[in-house]
Amino acid sequence: MIIQFNWYEISQISYIPESQLILAYCLFINTLNPHERKIARSINDLKRKLKIDNISTSLISRNYILHHIRNGIISNYTCAEPQGYFTNVTFFSADVHVKHKTHYLYILSQRPISSKENWIPSYYVDDKYHKNPFITKINDKLYFTLEKKI
C-alpha cells in the first residue's frame, strides 16, 4: 500500500510533532478505509496507538480531525498535492520519541514521488537527520530500512 503525503503541507498546518504525526496517520487511515476514516475510538486511544503524550486541540478546532463521543476520532484531512510517499506504517507505533517519527517523514519527503528506490542521497538532508532509527547510512546513501524497493 502506498500512502502519499506532502511534508510541506503538513508542516504548514502545524509545527507540533504530535500533530504532524496525526496528520500523516490520517492519510494512512484514509487510504486504508476511505469511507469510514475512523482513526481511533478516543483521544486516549489515539495517543496509545501513536505512542505520543499529548494531542493539540488545534487539529480539532480547525476540523482536521473530528471528535465525536459516539463515533470516536475521525480523519477530516486530505492531502491537496502529494509529493512523497511511504509504504510501511510500523513507524507510527514504534516506541521512539515523536521527533524521530516526524524527522523520518521529513526524510521520506525528500524522495521524489516518482522514485521507486528505498534510499536517497545523504546530501539531501542535513547531517542532524542521519542518526534516525528508521534509516541506515551506507556510504553516501540513506536507506529507509522499513521501506521496500517498489
N, C-alpha and C. Protein backbone atom coordinates (compact mmCIF):
# COMPACT_ATOMS: atom_id res chain seq x y z
N MET A 1 0.84 -1.17 0.00
CA MET A 1 0.00 0.00 0.00
C MET A 1 0.89 1.24 0.00
N ILE A 2 0.57 2.18 -0.83
CA ILE A 2 1.32 3.44 -0.92
C ILE A 2 0.48 4.55 -0.31
N ILE A 3 1.06 5.23 0.68
CA ILE A 3 0.39 6.36 1.32
C ILE A 3 1.11 7.63 0.88
N GLN A 4 0.42 8.47 0.17
CA GLN A 4 1.01 9.70 -0.35
C GLN A 4 0.80 10.84 0.64
N PHE A 5 1.80 11.73 0.71
CA PHE A 5 1.71 12.86 1.63
C PHE A 5 2.53 14.02 1.09
N ASN A 6 2.36 15.17 1.73
CA ASN A 6 3.11 16.36 1.38
C ASN A 6 3.64 16.94 2.69
N TRP A 7 4.94 16.76 2.94
CA TRP A 7 5.52 17.20 4.20
C TRP A 7 5.38 18.72 4.37
N TYR A 8 5.59 19.46 3.31
CA TYR A 8 5.48 20.92 3.41
C TYR A 8 4.07 21.31 3.87
N GLU A 9 3.08 20.68 3.29
CA GLU A 9 1.69 20.97 3.66
C GLU A 9 1.44 20.63 5.14
N ILE A 10 1.90 19.46 5.56
CA ILE A 10 1.72 19.04 6.96
C ILE A 10 2.44 20.01 7.90
N SER A 11 3.67 20.40 7.55
CA SER A 11 4.42 21.29 8.43
C SER A 11 3.87 22.71 8.44
N GLN A 12 3.12 23.08 7.41
CA GLN A 12 2.46 24.39 7.41
C GLN A 12 1.20 24.38 8.27
N ILE A 13 0.55 23.24 8.37
CA ILE A 13 -0.65 23.12 9.21
C ILE A 13 -0.26 23.20 10.68
N SER A 14 0.84 22.52 11.03
CA SER A 14 1.28 22.52 12.42
C SER A 14 2.78 22.30 12.51
N TYR A 15 3.39 22.99 13.45
CA TYR A 15 4.81 22.77 13.72
C TYR A 15 4.99 21.80 14.89
N ILE A 16 3.89 21.36 15.50
CA ILE A 16 3.93 20.45 16.65
C ILE A 16 4.10 19.02 16.12
N PRO A 17 5.17 18.33 16.54
CA PRO A 17 5.43 16.99 16.02
C PRO A 17 4.26 16.01 16.19
N GLU A 18 3.59 16.04 17.31
CA GLU A 18 2.46 15.13 17.53
C GLU A 18 1.35 15.39 16.51
N SER A 19 1.08 16.64 16.23
CA SER A 19 0.05 16.98 15.24
C SER A 19 0.47 16.57 13.83
N GLN A 20 1.74 16.75 13.52
CA GLN A 20 2.24 16.34 12.21
C GLN A 20 2.09 14.83 12.04
N LEU A 21 2.40 14.09 13.09
CA LEU A 21 2.28 12.64 13.03
C LEU A 21 0.82 12.22 12.86
N ILE A 22 -0.08 12.89 13.56
CA ILE A 22 -1.51 12.59 13.45
C ILE A 22 -2.00 12.84 12.02
N LEU A 23 -1.56 13.93 11.41
CA LEU A 23 -1.99 14.22 10.04
C LEU A 23 -1.51 13.15 9.07
N ALA A 24 -0.29 12.69 9.23
CA ALA A 24 0.21 11.60 8.39
C ALA A 24 -0.56 10.32 8.65
N TYR A 25 -0.90 10.08 9.91
CA TYR A 25 -1.69 8.90 10.27
C TYR A 25 -3.09 8.98 9.63
N CYS A 26 -3.64 10.17 9.58
CA CYS A 26 -4.94 10.37 8.92
C CYS A 26 -4.86 9.93 7.46
N LEU A 27 -3.78 10.28 6.79
CA LEU A 27 -3.63 9.90 5.38
C LEU A 27 -3.55 8.39 5.22
N PHE A 28 -2.90 7.72 6.17
CA PHE A 28 -2.84 6.26 6.15
C PHE A 28 -4.25 5.68 6.31
N ILE A 29 -4.99 6.17 7.30
CA ILE A 29 -6.35 5.66 7.55
C ILE A 29 -7.25 5.95 6.34
N ASN A 30 -7.10 7.12 5.75
CA ASN A 30 -7.89 7.46 4.56
C ASN A 30 -7.63 6.48 3.43
N THR A 31 -6.39 6.05 3.28
CA THR A 31 -6.02 5.09 2.23
C THR A 31 -6.57 3.71 2.57
N LEU A 32 -6.47 3.35 3.84
CA LEU A 32 -6.90 2.03 4.30
C LEU A 32 -8.41 1.87 4.22
N ASN A 33 -9.13 2.88 4.68
CA ASN A 33 -10.59 2.81 4.72
C ASN A 33 -11.17 4.18 4.38
N PRO A 34 -11.25 4.52 3.10
CA PRO A 34 -11.65 5.87 2.69
C PRO A 34 -13.08 6.26 3.06
N HIS A 35 -13.94 5.31 3.35
CA HIS A 35 -15.33 5.65 3.66
C HIS A 35 -15.55 5.92 5.14
N GLU A 36 -14.88 5.16 6.02
CA GLU A 36 -15.11 5.34 7.45
C GLU A 36 -14.20 6.41 8.04
N ARG A 37 -12.91 6.35 7.76
CA ARG A 37 -11.91 7.34 8.18
C ARG A 37 -11.78 7.48 9.69
N LYS A 38 -12.14 6.45 10.43
CA LYS A 38 -12.02 6.48 11.89
C LYS A 38 -10.58 6.15 12.26
N ILE A 39 -9.93 7.07 12.97
CA ILE A 39 -8.53 6.86 13.33
C ILE A 39 -8.35 6.30 14.74
N ALA A 40 -9.37 6.48 15.60
CA ALA A 40 -9.27 5.96 16.97
C ALA A 40 -10.64 6.03 17.65
N ARG A 41 -10.77 5.27 18.72
CA ARG A 41 -12.01 5.28 19.50
C ARG A 41 -12.12 6.54 20.36
N SER A 42 -10.97 7.06 20.79
CA SER A 42 -10.94 8.22 21.68
C SER A 42 -9.58 8.90 21.56
N ILE A 43 -9.46 10.04 22.22
CA ILE A 43 -8.18 10.75 22.26
C ILE A 43 -7.12 9.87 22.91
N ASN A 44 -7.47 9.23 24.02
CA ASN A 44 -6.50 8.36 24.69
C ASN A 44 -6.10 7.17 23.82
N ASP A 45 -7.05 6.64 23.07
CA ASP A 45 -6.75 5.54 22.15
C ASP A 45 -5.77 5.99 21.07
N LEU A 46 -5.97 7.19 20.55
CA LEU A 46 -5.07 7.73 19.53
C LEU A 46 -3.67 7.94 20.11
N LYS A 47 -3.58 8.48 21.32
CA LYS A 47 -2.28 8.66 21.97
C LYS A 47 -1.59 7.32 22.17
N ARG A 48 -2.33 6.31 22.54
CA ARG A 48 -1.76 4.97 22.74
C ARG A 48 -1.27 4.38 21.42
N LYS A 49 -2.07 4.51 20.37
CA LYS A 49 -1.70 3.96 19.05
C LYS A 49 -0.41 4.57 18.52
N LEU A 50 -0.27 5.88 18.67
CA LEU A 50 0.88 6.58 18.11
C LEU A 50 2.02 6.74 19.11
N LYS A 51 1.77 6.30 20.35
CA LYS A 51 2.75 6.42 21.43
C LYS A 51 3.22 7.88 21.59
N ILE A 52 2.23 8.75 21.76
CA ILE A 52 2.51 10.16 21.99
C ILE A 52 1.87 10.56 23.31
N ASP A 53 2.37 11.64 23.91
CA ASP A 53 1.90 12.05 25.23
C ASP A 53 0.73 13.02 25.21
N ASN A 54 0.66 13.86 24.18
CA ASN A 54 -0.43 14.82 24.14
C ASN A 54 -0.86 15.11 22.71
N ILE A 55 -2.06 15.63 22.61
CA ILE A 55 -2.64 15.97 21.31
C ILE A 55 -3.12 17.41 21.38
N SER A 56 -2.65 18.21 20.44
CA SER A 56 -3.06 19.60 20.37
C SER A 56 -4.53 19.68 19.94
N THR A 57 -5.28 20.52 20.60
CA THR A 57 -6.68 20.69 20.24
C THR A 57 -6.85 21.48 18.94
N SER A 58 -5.76 22.05 18.43
CA SER A 58 -5.86 22.85 17.20
C SER A 58 -6.30 22.01 16.01
N LEU A 59 -5.93 20.73 15.97
CA LEU A 59 -6.39 19.88 14.86
C LEU A 59 -7.90 19.69 14.91
N ILE A 60 -8.44 19.65 16.12
CA ILE A 60 -9.89 19.51 16.27
C ILE A 60 -10.58 20.85 15.99
N SER A 61 -10.05 21.93 16.54
CA SER A 61 -10.69 23.23 16.34
C SER A 61 -10.64 23.69 14.89
N ARG A 62 -9.64 23.22 14.15
CA ARG A 62 -9.51 23.59 12.73
C ARG A 62 -10.09 22.52 11.82
N ASN A 63 -10.78 21.54 12.41
CA ASN A 63 -11.51 20.48 11.70
C ASN A 63 -10.65 19.54 10.85
N TYR A 64 -9.39 19.38 11.20
CA TYR A 64 -8.57 18.36 10.51
C TYR A 64 -8.90 16.97 11.02
N ILE A 65 -9.27 16.92 12.31
CA ILE A 65 -9.84 15.69 12.86
C ILE A 65 -11.12 16.07 13.59
N LEU A 66 -12.07 15.14 13.57
CA LEU A 66 -13.36 15.38 14.21
C LEU A 66 -13.48 14.46 15.41
N HIS A 67 -13.90 15.03 16.54
CA HIS A 67 -14.02 14.26 17.77
C HIS A 67 -15.50 14.10 18.11
N HIS A 68 -15.99 12.86 17.96
CA HIS A 68 -17.37 12.54 18.29
C HIS A 68 -17.38 11.57 19.47
N ILE A 69 -18.23 11.83 20.43
CA ILE A 69 -18.32 10.96 21.60
C ILE A 69 -18.66 9.52 21.19
N ARG A 70 -19.62 9.36 20.30
CA ARG A 70 -20.07 8.02 19.92
C ARG A 70 -19.22 7.40 18.80
N ASN A 71 -18.76 8.20 17.85
CA ASN A 71 -18.04 7.67 16.69
C ASN A 71 -16.53 7.67 16.84
N GLY A 72 -16.00 8.32 17.85
CA GLY A 72 -14.56 8.37 18.05
C GLY A 72 -13.91 9.52 17.30
N ILE A 73 -12.65 9.32 16.93
CA ILE A 73 -11.87 10.35 16.25
C ILE A 73 -11.86 10.02 14.76
N ILE A 74 -12.31 10.96 13.96
CA ILE A 74 -12.47 10.77 12.51
C ILE A 74 -11.50 11.69 11.77
N SER A 75 -10.85 11.16 10.75
CA SER A 75 -9.96 11.96 9.90
C SER A 75 -10.80 12.83 8.97
N ASN A 76 -10.47 14.10 8.95
CA ASN A 76 -11.09 15.02 8.02
C ASN A 76 -10.01 15.70 7.17
N TYR A 77 -8.81 15.11 7.18
CA TYR A 77 -7.67 15.69 6.48
C TYR A 77 -7.38 14.92 5.19
N THR A 78 -7.24 15.65 4.12
CA THR A 78 -6.78 15.08 2.86
C THR A 78 -5.61 15.92 2.36
N CYS A 79 -4.74 15.29 1.64
CA CYS A 79 -3.56 15.95 1.10
C CYS A 79 -3.91 16.59 -0.24
N ALA A 80 -3.69 17.88 -0.34
CA ALA A 80 -4.06 18.61 -1.56
C ALA A 80 -3.14 18.25 -2.74
N GLU A 81 -1.86 18.14 -2.47
CA GLU A 81 -0.90 17.89 -3.56
C GLU A 81 0.20 16.94 -3.07
N PRO A 82 0.00 15.64 -3.18
CA PRO A 82 1.01 14.68 -2.71
C PRO A 82 2.35 14.88 -3.42
N GLN A 83 3.43 14.81 -2.62
CA GLN A 83 4.76 14.97 -3.19
C GLN A 83 5.73 13.88 -2.74
N GLY A 84 5.29 13.02 -1.83
CA GLY A 84 6.11 11.93 -1.35
C GLY A 84 5.22 10.77 -0.96
N TYR A 85 5.84 9.69 -0.52
CA TYR A 85 5.05 8.53 -0.11
C TYR A 85 5.80 7.66 0.87
N PHE A 86 5.08 6.81 1.56
CA PHE A 86 5.66 5.76 2.36
C PHE A 86 4.80 4.52 2.19
N THR A 87 5.39 3.36 2.41
CA THR A 87 4.67 2.12 2.22
C THR A 87 4.55 1.31 3.51
N ASN A 88 5.38 1.59 4.48
CA ASN A 88 5.37 0.84 5.72
C ASN A 88 4.96 1.77 6.86
N VAL A 89 3.91 1.41 7.57
CA VAL A 89 3.35 2.28 8.60
C VAL A 89 3.77 1.89 10.02
N THR A 90 4.67 0.93 10.16
CA THR A 90 5.02 0.47 11.50
C THR A 90 5.71 1.55 12.34
N PHE A 91 6.29 2.55 11.71
CA PHE A 91 6.94 3.61 12.48
C PHE A 91 5.93 4.39 13.33
N PHE A 92 4.66 4.42 12.93
CA PHE A 92 3.64 5.14 13.72
C PHE A 92 3.58 4.61 15.15
N SER A 93 3.66 3.31 15.31
CA SER A 93 3.50 2.71 16.64
C SER A 93 4.83 2.36 17.30
N ALA A 94 5.94 2.75 16.69
CA ALA A 94 7.26 2.47 17.27
C ALA A 94 7.42 3.21 18.59
N ASP A 95 8.11 2.57 19.50
CA ASP A 95 8.32 3.16 20.82
C ASP A 95 9.58 4.02 20.83
N VAL A 96 9.52 5.09 20.03
CA VAL A 96 10.60 6.07 19.96
C VAL A 96 9.98 7.46 20.10
N HIS A 97 10.81 8.43 20.37
CA HIS A 97 10.30 9.80 20.52
C HIS A 97 9.63 10.25 19.23
N VAL A 98 8.58 11.04 19.38
CA VAL A 98 7.79 11.50 18.24
C VAL A 98 8.65 12.30 17.24
N LYS A 99 9.68 12.97 17.71
CA LYS A 99 10.56 13.73 16.79
C LYS A 99 11.25 12.80 15.80
N HIS A 100 11.61 11.57 16.23
CA HIS A 100 12.21 10.62 15.30
C HIS A 100 11.22 10.27 14.19
N LYS A 101 9.96 10.14 14.57
CA LYS A 101 8.93 9.77 13.59
C LYS A 101 8.69 10.91 12.60
N THR A 102 8.62 12.13 13.09
CA THR A 102 8.39 13.26 12.18
C THR A 102 9.63 13.57 11.34
N HIS A 103 10.81 13.38 11.92
CA HIS A 103 12.02 13.55 11.13
C HIS A 103 12.08 12.50 10.02
N TYR A 104 11.62 11.30 10.34
CA TYR A 104 11.56 10.24 9.32
C TYR A 104 10.62 10.65 8.19
N LEU A 105 9.48 11.22 8.51
CA LEU A 105 8.56 11.70 7.48
C LEU A 105 9.23 12.79 6.64
N TYR A 106 9.96 13.67 7.29
CA TYR A 106 10.67 14.72 6.55
C TYR A 106 11.69 14.10 5.60
N ILE A 107 12.46 13.13 6.09
CA ILE A 107 13.47 12.48 5.25
C ILE A 107 12.79 11.76 4.08
N LEU A 108 11.70 11.04 4.37
CA LEU A 108 10.95 10.37 3.30
C LEU A 108 10.45 11.37 2.26
N SER A 109 10.12 12.56 2.70
CA SER A 109 9.58 13.56 1.77
C SER A 109 10.62 14.03 0.76
N GLN A 110 11.88 13.74 1.03
CA GLN A 110 12.94 14.13 0.10
C GLN A 110 13.07 13.16 -1.07
N ARG A 111 12.41 12.01 -0.94
CA ARG A 111 12.38 11.04 -2.05
C ARG A 111 11.26 11.47 -2.99
N PRO A 112 11.56 11.69 -4.24
CA PRO A 112 10.51 12.09 -5.19
C PRO A 112 9.40 11.04 -5.27
N ILE A 113 8.20 11.49 -5.47
CA ILE A 113 7.06 10.58 -5.54
C ILE A 113 7.21 9.60 -6.71
N SER A 114 8.00 9.97 -7.70
CA SER A 114 8.20 9.09 -8.86
C SER A 114 9.30 8.04 -8.62
N SER A 115 10.06 8.19 -7.54
CA SER A 115 11.15 7.25 -7.26
C SER A 115 10.62 5.94 -6.70
N LYS A 116 11.19 4.86 -7.15
CA LYS A 116 10.82 3.52 -6.66
C LYS A 116 11.88 2.97 -5.72
N GLU A 117 12.89 3.76 -5.40
CA GLU A 117 14.00 3.34 -4.56
C GLU A 117 13.65 3.44 -3.07
N ASN A 118 14.41 2.72 -2.25
CA ASN A 118 14.23 2.81 -0.80
C ASN A 118 15.39 3.57 -0.16
N TRP A 119 15.94 4.51 -0.89
CA TRP A 119 17.04 5.33 -0.39
C TRP A 119 17.02 6.70 -1.09
N ILE A 120 17.76 7.62 -0.47
CA ILE A 120 18.02 8.92 -1.07
C ILE A 120 19.50 9.23 -0.86
N PRO A 121 20.09 10.10 -1.66
CA PRO A 121 21.46 10.52 -1.38
C PRO A 121 21.52 11.24 -0.02
N SER A 122 22.56 10.98 0.74
CA SER A 122 22.64 11.54 2.09
C SER A 122 22.71 13.06 2.10
N TYR A 123 23.19 13.67 1.03
CA TYR A 123 23.28 15.13 0.99
C TYR A 123 21.92 15.81 0.83
N TYR A 124 20.87 15.04 0.61
CA TYR A 124 19.52 15.63 0.50
C TYR A 124 19.06 16.25 1.82
N VAL A 125 19.55 15.73 2.95
CA VAL A 125 19.14 16.25 4.26
C VAL A 125 20.38 16.56 5.09
N ASP A 126 20.24 17.46 6.04
CA ASP A 126 21.34 17.83 6.93
C ASP A 126 21.80 16.62 7.74
N ASP A 127 23.04 16.68 8.17
CA ASP A 127 23.63 15.59 8.95
C ASP A 127 22.85 15.28 10.23
N LYS A 128 22.17 16.27 10.78
CA LYS A 128 21.43 16.03 12.03
C LYS A 128 20.33 14.98 11.86
N TYR A 129 19.90 14.71 10.65
CA TYR A 129 18.86 13.71 10.40
C TYR A 129 19.43 12.31 10.15
N HIS A 130 20.73 12.19 10.05
CA HIS A 130 21.35 10.92 9.68
C HIS A 130 21.33 9.89 10.80
N LYS A 131 21.01 10.26 12.01
CA LYS A 131 21.00 9.34 13.14
C LYS A 131 19.58 8.91 13.52
N ASN A 132 18.73 8.81 12.57
CA ASN A 132 17.34 8.42 12.80
C ASN A 132 17.24 6.89 12.88
N PRO A 133 16.47 6.36 13.85
CA PRO A 133 16.38 4.89 13.99
C PRO A 133 15.71 4.19 12.80
N PHE A 134 15.06 4.93 11.92
CA PHE A 134 14.36 4.32 10.79
C PHE A 134 15.16 4.36 9.49
N ILE A 135 16.38 4.86 9.56
CA ILE A 135 17.22 4.90 8.37
C ILE A 135 18.60 4.32 8.69
N THR A 136 19.29 3.92 7.65
CA THR A 136 20.66 3.44 7.77
C THR A 136 21.48 4.17 6.71
N LYS A 137 22.62 4.70 7.16
CA LYS A 137 23.51 5.39 6.22
C LYS A 137 24.59 4.41 5.78
N ILE A 138 24.67 4.20 4.47
CA ILE A 138 25.71 3.37 3.88
C ILE A 138 26.34 4.19 2.76
N ASN A 139 27.63 4.44 2.93
CA ASN A 139 28.37 5.30 2.00
C ASN A 139 27.67 6.65 1.91
N ASP A 140 27.20 7.02 0.76
CA ASP A 140 26.57 8.33 0.59
C ASP A 140 25.06 8.23 0.41
N LYS A 141 24.47 7.14 0.93
CA LYS A 141 23.03 6.94 0.78
C LYS A 141 22.38 6.73 2.13
N LEU A 142 21.16 7.25 2.26
CA LEU A 142 20.33 7.00 3.43
C LEU A 142 19.25 6.01 3.01
N TYR A 143 19.30 4.82 3.60
CA TYR A 143 18.33 3.78 3.28
C TYR A 143 17.17 3.82 4.26
N PHE A 144 15.97 3.71 3.75
CA PHE A 144 14.78 3.62 4.57
C PHE A 144 14.60 2.15 4.91
N THR A 145 15.00 1.76 6.10
CA THR A 145 15.03 0.34 6.45
C THR A 145 13.64 -0.31 6.50
N LEU A 146 12.61 0.49 6.70
CA LEU A 146 11.24 -0.04 6.73
C LEU A 146 10.63 -0.17 5.34
N GLU A 147 11.14 0.61 4.41
CA GLU A 147 10.58 0.65 3.06
C GLU A 147 11.21 -0.42 2.17
N LYS A 148 10.44 -0.95 1.29
CA LYS A 148 10.94 -1.89 0.29
C LYS A 148 11.05 -1.16 -1.05
N LYS A 149 11.97 -1.62 -1.88
CA LYS A 149 12.08 -1.06 -3.23
C LYS A 149 10.86 -1.49 -4.01
N ILE A 150 10.19 -0.56 -4.64
CA ILE A 150 8.96 -0.88 -5.38
C ILE A 150 9.31 -1.32 -6.78
